[in-house]
Amino acid sequence: MNTKTEILEYDFESLSHKILPGNSDYECAKHHIKLKSTSKFHTEVGTINDNVHIKDICVDENRFFKYQIIKPKGQAVAKNVIFLLHGFNERDWTKYLPWAQAICIGTGSHVVLFPLAFHMQRAPKHWSSKRAMYILSENRKKRYPNVVHSTLSNVAISMRLHAMPQRFIYSGLQTYYDFIQLIENFRSAYNPEISKDFKFDIFGYSIGGFLAQILKLTNYKNYFSDTKMCLFCSGTTFNRLSSVSKFILDSEANVALYSFLIEHFDKFLKKDEILSHYILNDHMEGEVFNCMLDYQKKREFREELLKTYEDQIYGITLKKDKVIPSFEVINTLKGAYRDINIKVDEIDFDRDYTHENPFPTNTDCEAQIMNDFNMVFDKVCDFYNA
């Protein structure tokens, strides 16, 4: 930890965990109506006899967990907070600690590291066991000989999404409601480090930026009206990114997820009473999520929302990013007719890098990487400080 900052940890209980698969009956808190699950818990597709396919609602780590706050050392109660939302299939915060420290020092804000559902400390440790996951990955390769990029790093999430692509939505909704719950906790002086009249911004990387966009564009109870949102390697619609990677998803899971969310989503909604309710029936978060799936679908609705907040959104893309291509981010954030005035800086480092690891460690060009890192986060902090 940088000597200018310190890290604190606080308990959190997700009150929205009951939306997850594994229940038989559900209730919409907004409309006070009962909803019944009309889809199977999961299919046998993609499954292997193991404890990866436990019912989502039964994963205690996802319901009870801790979040971290990085703050300037010795600073009093914070009136300015920046939430850092991480990427897909992440298991620990190591990569993000220098990012959070740079934002903390550069802005003077407290930085909250909040994990997405079933990620980071919200996932069972077994899913990160190298030996157990290696065996699962080898078995998966035998079952699906043509699978691409099945690894011990992604086999747990790949198997779970392959068997039940709906999990992407359910866990996203849970995280969305958890984030709202955290804001309301802070406003109730629940956390001694945060002033109840605090202001906040968001830094979203990769899929964390996808969630940040849904939060910002939904603007629940006008909580996000003044929130600045910085998107790093993020900002495009779901169908314009490529998640097949040894660190993200394997090809079989990616095909299943794309088929569910893009090719046949409307058909699945007719069969799933719960998803249909949250996506189609007076839930702005569901409508915004829907408009962020397919570039062509609900494009005018999405672009009008982006125009509304164009002065509060900033994108930083990497030219050689193969997971979330730079030009696709520009297409989404600036609009089909380039009539949305969102600033997007495209950067290309003069070295090897990837979407998953833009600032690698233990290389021969540490000085250059540090210069690149400082350049990116100077831009980030300048945006927040302006």
Protein backbone atom coordinates (compact mmCIF):
# COMPACT_ATOMS: atom_id res chain seq x y z
CA MET A 1 0.00 0.00 0.00
CA ASN A 2 1.23 3.48 -0.89
CA THR A 3 2.43 5.42 2.18
CA LYS A 4 0.04 8.26 1.24
CA THR A 5 -3.02 6.03 1.48
CA GLU A 6 -4.58 3.48 3.77
CA ILE A 7 -7.14 0.74 3.22
CA LEU A 8 -10.15 -0.04 5.39
CA GLU A 9 -12.67 -2.86 5.19
CA TYR A 10 -16.37 -3.01 5.98
CA ASP A 11 -19.05 -5.69 6.11
CA PHE A 12 -21.92 -5.77 3.65
CA GLU A 13 -25.00 -7.96 3.38
CA SER A 14 -26.75 -8.04 0.02
CA LEU A 15 -30.46 -7.52 0.62
CA SER A 16 -31.21 -8.28 -3.02
CA HIS A 17 -29.81 -11.83 -3.04
CA LYS A 18 -33.34 -13.29 -3.21
CA ILE A 19 -33.55 -12.31 -6.88
CA LEU A 20 -30.98 -15.01 -7.70
CA PRO A 21 -31.74 -18.41 -9.25
CA GLY A 22 -32.50 -21.16 -6.78
CA ASN A 23 -35.75 -19.87 -5.32
CA SER A 24 -39.14 -21.11 -6.45
CA ASP A 25 -41.06 -17.92 -5.68
CA TYR A 26 -39.96 -14.31 -5.99
CA GLU A 27 -41.39 -10.92 -5.08
CA CYS A 28 -40.83 -7.61 -6.85
CA ALA A 29 -40.27 -5.04 -4.09
CA LYS A 30 -41.23 -2.15 -6.37
CA HIS A 31 -44.59 -3.53 -7.51
CA HIS A 32 -45.34 -5.76 -4.50
CA ILE A 33 -46.24 -8.70 -6.67
CA LYS A 34 -45.28 -12.36 -6.49
CA LEU A 35 -43.35 -13.87 -9.39
CA LYS A 36 -42.85 -17.54 -10.08
CA SER A 37 -39.82 -19.12 -11.64
CA THR A 38 -40.85 -20.64 -14.96
CA SER A 39 -37.42 -21.79 -16.12
CA LYS A 40 -35.23 -24.66 -15.02
CA PHE A 41 -32.51 -23.93 -12.49
CA HIS A 42 -30.04 -24.95 -15.15
CA THR A 43 -29.76 -27.37 -18.01
CA GLU A 44 -27.29 -30.21 -18.18
CA VAL A 45 -25.47 -28.41 -20.98
CA GLY A 46 -21.95 -27.56 -19.91
CA THR A 47 -22.23 -29.23 -16.53
CA ILE A 48 -19.89 -31.72 -14.93
CA ASN A 49 -20.54 -33.35 -11.57
CA ASP A 50 -18.87 -30.88 -9.22
CA ASN A 51 -19.75 -28.10 -6.77
CA VAL A 52 -19.58 -25.25 -9.29
CA HIS A 53 -23.30 -25.57 -10.09
CA ILE A 54 -24.58 -24.93 -6.59
CA LYS A 55 -27.73 -22.83 -6.46
CA ASP A 56 -26.85 -19.17 -6.69
CA ILE A 57 -29.02 -18.18 -3.76
CA CYS A 58 -27.08 -20.61 -1.54
CA VAL A 59 -23.66 -19.00 -2.07
CA ASP A 60 -23.17 -17.26 1.28
CA GLU A 61 -19.96 -15.58 0.11
CA ASN A 62 -22.04 -13.67 -2.44
CA ARG A 63 -24.54 -12.52 0.18
CA PHE A 64 -22.18 -11.66 3.05
CA PHE A 65 -18.88 -10.05 2.11
CA LYS A 66 -16.57 -7.12 2.72
CA TYR A 67 -15.83 -4.09 0.55
CA GLN A 68 -12.72 -1.95 0.79
CA ILE A 69 -12.15 1.81 0.98
CA ILE A 70 -8.82 3.35 0.02
CA LYS A 71 -8.46 6.81 1.54
CA PRO A 72 -5.79 9.51 1.87
CA LYS A 73 -3.94 8.73 5.07
CA GLY A 74 -5.19 10.82 7.96
CA GLN A 75 -8.05 12.40 6.03
CA ALA A 76 -11.26 13.10 7.86
CA VAL A 77 -14.72 11.93 6.82
CA ALA A 78 -15.02 11.96 3.02
CA LYS A 79 -17.40 14.19 1.11
CA ASN A 80 -16.13 12.93 -2.24
CA VAL A 81 -16.14 9.25 -3.19
CA ILE A 82 -15.18 7.41 -6.38
CA PHE A 83 -16.45 3.88 -6.88
CA LEU A 84 -14.13 1.55 -8.79
CA LEU A 85 -15.91 -1.23 -10.68
CA HIS A 86 -13.71 -4.09 -11.93
CA GLY A 87 -13.69 -6.38 -14.96
CA PHE A 88 -15.29 -9.74 -15.75
CA ASN A 89 -14.11 -12.94 -14.06
CA GLU A 90 -11.79 -11.25 -11.56
CA ARG A 91 -10.75 -13.05 -8.38
CA ASP A 92 -8.64 -10.55 -6.43
CA TRP A 93 -7.95 -6.82 -6.26
CA THR A 94 -4.17 -6.95 -6.82
CA LYS A 95 -4.33 -5.42 -10.29
CA TYR A 96 -6.62 -2.64 -9.13
CA LEU A 97 -4.90 -1.44 -5.97
CA PRO A 98 -2.41 0.81 -7.86
CA TRP A 99 -5.32 2.16 -9.94
CA ALA A 100 -7.32 2.99 -6.81
CA GLN A 101 -4.30 4.55 -5.13
CA ALA A 102 -3.57 6.74 -8.15
CA ILE A 103 -7.18 7.96 -8.23
CA CYS A 104 -7.21 8.50 -4.47
CA ILE A 105 -3.99 10.54 -4.49
CA GLY A 106 -4.87 12.40 -7.69
CA THR A 107 -8.34 13.48 -6.57
CA GLY A 108 -8.21 13.42 -2.77
CA SER A 109 -11.32 11.22 -2.85
CA HIS A 110 -12.02 8.03 -0.99
CA VAL A 111 -12.06 5.15 -3.49
CA VAL A 112 -14.51 2.32 -2.83
CA LEU A 113 -13.64 -1.12 -4.23
CA PHE A 114 -17.01 -2.81 -4.62
CA PRO A 115 -17.14 -6.38 -6.01
CA LEU A 116 -19.64 -7.55 -8.61
CA ALA A 117 -21.82 -10.53 -7.69
CA PHE A 118 -19.89 -13.86 -7.71
CA HIS A 119 -16.59 -12.04 -8.33
CA MET A 120 -13.63 -11.17 -6.12
CA GLN A 121 -14.39 -12.02 -2.48
CA ARG A 122 -18.01 -12.82 -3.41
CA ALA A 123 -17.15 -16.21 -4.93
CA PRO A 124 -16.39 -19.50 -3.14
CA LYS A 125 -12.65 -20.07 -2.78
CA HIS A 126 -13.06 -23.47 -4.43
CA TRP A 127 -13.72 -21.69 -7.75
CA SER A 128 -10.19 -20.28 -7.53
CA SER A 129 -8.47 -23.54 -6.60
CA LYS A 130 -5.84 -24.06 -9.29
CA ARG A 131 -5.79 -27.83 -8.91
CA ALA A 132 -9.57 -28.29 -8.85
CA MET A 133 -10.17 -25.88 -11.71
CA TYR A 134 -7.39 -27.43 -13.81
CA ILE A 135 -9.08 -30.83 -13.50
CA LEU A 136 -12.45 -29.30 -14.42
CA SER A 137 -10.95 -27.55 -17.44
CA GLU A 138 -9.35 -30.77 -18.68
CA ASN A 139 -12.66 -32.59 -18.30
CA ARG A 140 -14.44 -29.78 -20.13
CA LYS A 141 -11.99 -30.04 -23.03
CA LYS A 142 -12.74 -33.75 -23.30
CA ARG A 143 -16.46 -33.09 -23.33
CA TYR A 144 -16.15 -30.22 -25.82
CA PRO A 145 -13.10 -31.03 -28.00
CA ASN A 146 -13.49 -27.86 -30.07
CA VAL A 147 -13.63 -25.49 -27.11
CA VAL A 148 -11.24 -22.53 -27.36
CA HIS A 149 -9.53 -20.93 -24.36
CA SER A 150 -10.83 -23.22 -21.64
CA THR A 151 -8.48 -22.64 -18.70
CA LEU A 152 -8.33 -23.08 -14.97
CA SER A 153 -8.88 -19.31 -14.75
CA ASN A 154 -12.23 -19.24 -16.52
CA VAL A 155 -13.69 -22.73 -16.24
CA ALA A 156 -15.94 -22.01 -13.24
CA ILE A 157 -17.66 -18.98 -14.72
CA SER A 158 -17.73 -20.55 -18.20
CA MET A 159 -19.50 -23.67 -16.93
CA ARG A 160 -22.01 -21.69 -14.92
CA LEU A 161 -22.91 -19.35 -17.80
CA HIS A 162 -22.91 -22.17 -20.34
CA ALA A 163 -25.47 -24.08 -18.26
CA MET A 164 -27.53 -20.99 -17.38
CA PRO A 165 -26.85 -17.78 -19.35
CA GLN A 166 -29.60 -16.05 -17.33
CA ARG A 167 -27.06 -15.80 -14.54
CA PHE A 168 -25.48 -12.86 -16.38
CA ILE A 169 -28.69 -10.87 -15.89
CA TYR A 170 -29.58 -12.05 -12.41
CA SER A 171 -26.13 -11.36 -10.99
CA GLY A 172 -26.10 -8.02 -12.80
CA LEU A 173 -29.43 -7.05 -11.26
CA GLN A 174 -28.21 -8.11 -7.83
CA THR A 175 -25.08 -5.99 -8.19
CA TYR A 176 -27.16 -3.04 -9.44
CA TYR A 177 -29.41 -3.21 -6.36
CA ASP A 178 -26.42 -3.77 -4.07
CA PHE A 179 -24.84 -0.59 -5.40
CA ILE A 180 -28.04 1.37 -4.71
CA GLN A 181 -28.14 -0.18 -1.24
CA LEU A 182 -24.54 0.93 -0.58
CA ILE A 183 -25.31 4.52 -1.64
CA GLU A 184 -28.33 4.58 0.65
CA ASN A 185 -26.24 3.12 3.48
CA PHE A 186 -23.73 5.93 3.06
CA ARG A 187 -26.53 8.52 3.00
CA SER A 188 -27.79 7.11 6.28
CA ALA A 189 -24.34 7.66 7.86
CA TYR A 190 -23.89 3.87 7.92
CA ASN A 191 -20.16 4.17 7.22
CA PRO A 192 -18.08 6.35 9.59
CA GLU A 193 -15.64 7.21 6.77
CA ILE A 194 -18.29 8.69 4.46
CA SER A 195 -20.26 11.89 5.05
CA LYS A 196 -23.99 11.36 4.58
CA ASP A 197 -24.08 14.31 2.15
CA PHE A 198 -21.25 12.83 0.07
CA LYS A 199 -20.91 13.26 -3.70
CA PHE A 200 -19.69 10.41 -5.85
CA ASP A 201 -18.29 9.52 -9.25
CA ILE A 202 -17.62 6.15 -10.90
CA PHE A 203 -14.59 4.58 -12.58
CA GLY A 204 -15.67 1.56 -14.63
CA TYR A 205 -13.26 -0.84 -16.30
CA SER A 206 -14.38 -3.48 -18.80
CA ILE A 207 -17.67 -5.09 -17.67
CA GLY A 208 -17.59 -2.78 -14.64
CA GLY A 209 -18.07 0.05 -17.11
CA PHE A 210 -21.08 -1.78 -18.56
CA LEU A 211 -22.65 -1.76 -15.08
CA ALA A 212 -21.61 1.87 -14.56
CA GLN A 213 -23.47 2.87 -17.72
CA ILE A 214 -26.64 1.12 -16.56
CA LEU A 215 -26.41 2.85 -13.18
CA LYS A 216 -25.76 6.27 -14.69
CA LEU A 217 -28.34 6.09 -17.48
CA THR A 218 -31.04 4.67 -15.19
CA ASN A 219 -30.33 7.43 -12.63
CA TYR A 220 -32.36 5.82 -9.86
CA LYS A 221 -34.09 8.51 -7.73
CA ASN A 222 -31.76 11.04 -9.39
CA TYR A 223 -28.87 9.68 -7.29
CA PHE A 224 -26.58 9.83 -10.36
CA SER A 225 -27.58 13.22 -11.77
CA ASP A 226 -24.23 14.83 -10.92
CA THR A 227 -22.10 11.68 -11.13
CA LYS A 228 -19.13 11.72 -13.49
CA MET A 229 -18.40 8.40 -15.14
CA CYS A 230 -14.99 7.45 -16.52
CA LEU A 231 -14.94 4.34 -18.70
CA PHE A 232 -11.59 2.61 -19.21
CA CYS A 233 -11.51 -0.12 -21.88
CA SER A 234 -15.28 -0.06 -21.74
CA GLY A 235 -18.35 1.62 -23.15
CA THR A 236 -19.63 -0.54 -25.99
CA THR A 237 -22.81 -2.60 -26.24
CA PHE A 238 -22.57 -6.28 -25.34
CA ASN A 239 -22.78 -7.58 -28.91
CA ARG A 240 -19.79 -5.48 -29.97
CA LEU A 241 -17.31 -6.98 -27.51
CA SER A 242 -15.46 -10.30 -27.66
CA SER A 243 -15.17 -12.10 -24.35
CA VAL A 244 -13.41 -15.29 -25.54
CA SER A 245 -10.19 -15.21 -23.56
CA LYS A 246 -8.28 -17.55 -21.28
CA PHE A 247 -8.93 -15.00 -18.54
CA ILE A 248 -12.62 -14.28 -19.26
CA LEU A 249 -14.80 -16.93 -20.95
CA ASP A 250 -14.22 -19.96 -23.12
CA SER A 251 -15.80 -20.22 -26.57
CA GLU A 252 -18.64 -22.57 -25.58
CA ALA A 253 -19.83 -20.25 -22.81
CA ASN A 254 -19.48 -17.23 -25.08
CA VAL A 255 -21.65 -18.82 -27.79
CA ALA A 256 -24.33 -19.75 -25.21
CA LEU A 257 -24.33 -16.26 -23.71
CA TYR A 258 -24.44 -14.52 -27.09
CA SER A 259 -27.23 -16.80 -28.28
CA PHE A 260 -29.26 -16.06 -25.16
CA LEU A 261 -28.71 -12.30 -24.89
CA ILE A 262 -28.57 -11.32 -28.56
CA GLU A 263 -30.04 -13.92 -30.92
CA HIS A 264 -32.97 -15.29 -28.92
CA PHE A 265 -33.47 -12.87 -25.99
CA ASP A 266 -37.03 -11.85 -26.91
CA LYS A 267 -38.07 -15.51 -27.17
CA PHE A 268 -36.54 -16.33 -23.78
CA LEU A 269 -38.33 -13.39 -22.17
CA LYS A 270 -41.66 -14.89 -23.21
CA LYS A 271 -40.76 -18.08 -21.33
CA ASP A 272 -39.26 -16.53 -18.19
CA GLU A 273 -41.78 -14.67 -16.04
CA ILE A 274 -39.18 -13.14 -13.74
CA LEU A 275 -36.80 -11.84 -16.39
CA SER A 276 -39.74 -10.62 -18.45
CA HIS A 277 -40.97 -8.58 -15.50
CA TYR A 278 -37.63 -6.91 -14.79
CA ILE A 279 -36.74 -6.27 -18.43
CA LEU A 280 -40.13 -5.29 -19.88
CA ASN A 281 -42.39 -4.07 -17.06
CA ASP A 282 -41.71 -0.65 -15.55
CA HIS A 283 -38.13 -1.25 -14.43
CA MET A 284 -35.89 1.44 -15.91
CA GLU A 285 -32.79 -0.59 -15.01
CA GLY A 286 -34.12 -3.47 -17.13
CA GLU A 287 -34.92 -1.18 -20.05
CA VAL A 288 -31.45 0.37 -19.95
CA PHE A 289 -29.84 -3.06 -19.66
CA ASN A 290 -31.81 -4.16 -22.71
CA CYS A 291 -30.65 -1.15 -24.74
CA MET A 292 -27.02 -1.95 -23.90
CA LEU A 293 -27.15 -5.48 -25.32
CA ASP A 294 -27.46 -4.97 -29.07
CA TYR A 295 -26.02 -1.93 -30.87
CA GLN A 296 -29.00 -1.68 -33.25
CA LYS A 297 -31.68 -2.51 -30.70
CA LYS A 298 -33.22 0.51 -28.94
CA ARG A 299 -30.35 2.61 -30.34
CA GLU A 300 -32.29 5.89 -30.35
CA PHE A 301 -33.38 5.38 -26.74
CA ARG A 302 -29.78 4.64 -25.68
CA GLU A 303 -28.31 7.56 -27.59
CA GLU A 304 -30.82 10.04 -26.16
CA LEU A 305 -29.79 8.99 -22.66
CA LEU A 306 -26.10 9.31 -23.55
CA LYS A 307 -26.72 12.80 -24.95
CA THR A 308 -28.40 13.80 -21.68
CA TYR A 309 -25.20 13.09 -19.77
CA GLU A 310 -22.58 13.70 -22.47
CA ASP A 311 -20.66 16.26 -20.38
CA GLN A 312 -20.36 13.80 -17.48
CA ILE A 313 -18.95 10.82 -19.39
CA TYR A 314 -15.36 10.25 -20.49
CA GLY A 315 -13.90 7.24 -22.26
CA ILE A 316 -10.32 6.01 -22.50
CA THR A 317 -9.75 3.20 -24.99
CA LEU A 318 -6.72 1.18 -26.04
CA LYS A 319 -6.10 0.83 -29.77
CA LYS A 320 -4.99 -2.80 -29.63
CA ASP A 321 -7.74 -3.90 -27.25
CA LYS A 322 -9.20 -7.09 -28.78
CA VAL A 323 -11.86 -7.70 -26.11
CA ILE A 324 -13.56 -4.28 -26.21
CA PRO A 325 -12.38 -2.71 -29.47
CA SER A 326 -11.71 1.00 -29.39
CA PHE A 327 -13.73 1.79 -32.51
CA GLU A 328 -16.77 -0.02 -31.06
CA VAL A 329 -16.61 2.10 -27.91
CA ILE A 330 -16.49 5.21 -30.10
CA ASN A 331 -19.45 3.94 -32.15
CA THR A 332 -21.51 3.48 -28.99
CA LEU A 333 -20.53 6.55 -26.98
CA LYS A 334 -20.48 9.04 -29.84
CA GLY A 335 -23.53 7.57 -31.57
CA ALA A 336 -24.24 6.25 -35.04
CA TYR A 337 -24.21 9.78 -36.47
CA ARG A 338 -21.41 11.06 -34.23
CA ASP A 339 -23.78 13.59 -32.70
CA ILE A 340 -23.07 12.78 -29.04
CA ASN A 341 -20.40 15.00 -27.53
CA ILE A 342 -18.73 12.45 -25.25
CA LYS A 343 -14.97 12.76 -25.14
CA VAL A 344 -13.14 9.52 -25.96
CA ASP A 345 -9.33 9.35 -25.92
CA GLU A 346 -7.86 6.46 -27.88
CA ILE A 347 -4.39 5.51 -26.61
CA ASP A 348 -1.82 3.12 -28.05
CA PHE A 349 1.12 2.15 -25.84
CA ASP A 350 4.44 1.57 -27.63
CA ARG A 351 4.75 -1.93 -26.12
CA ASP A 352 2.85 -5.15 -25.71
CA TYR A 353 -0.36 -5.02 -23.72
CA THR A 354 -3.79 -6.63 -23.58
CA HIS A 355 -7.26 -5.64 -22.49
CA GLU A 356 -6.96 -7.91 -19.47
CA ASN A 357 -3.54 -6.59 -18.47
CA PRO A 358 -2.87 -3.06 -19.76
CA PHE A 359 -0.08 -2.47 -17.21
CA PRO A 360 1.81 -5.78 -16.86
CA THR A 361 4.33 -6.31 -14.10
CA ASN A 362 7.66 -8.14 -14.13
CA THR A 363 8.64 -7.04 -17.62
CA ASP A 364 11.73 -5.45 -19.14
CA CYS A 365 10.00 -2.12 -19.74
CA GLU A 366 8.89 -1.16 -16.24
CA ALA A 367 9.79 2.51 -16.65
CA GLN A 368 7.74 2.77 -19.83
CA ILE A 369 4.79 1.00 -18.23
CA MET A 370 4.94 3.39 -15.29
CA ASN A 371 4.93 6.36 -17.68
CA ASP A 372 1.93 4.88 -19.50
CA PHE A 373 0.17 4.25 -16.19
CA ASN A 374 0.76 7.80 -15.00
CA MET A 375 -0.41 9.22 -18.32
CA VAL A 376 -3.71 7.29 -18.18
CA PHE A 377 -4.49 8.09 -14.56
CA ASP A 378 -3.48 11.73 -14.94
CA LYS A 379 -6.23 11.88 -17.59
CA VAL A 380 -8.64 10.10 -15.27
CA CYS A 381 -7.95 12.44 -12.37
CA ASP A 382 -8.07 15.54 -14.57
CA PHE A 383 -11.57 14.50 -15.66
CA TYR A 384 -12.77 14.11 -12.07
CA ASN A 385 -11.07 17.31 -10.89
CA ALA A 386 -12.37 19.52 -13.72
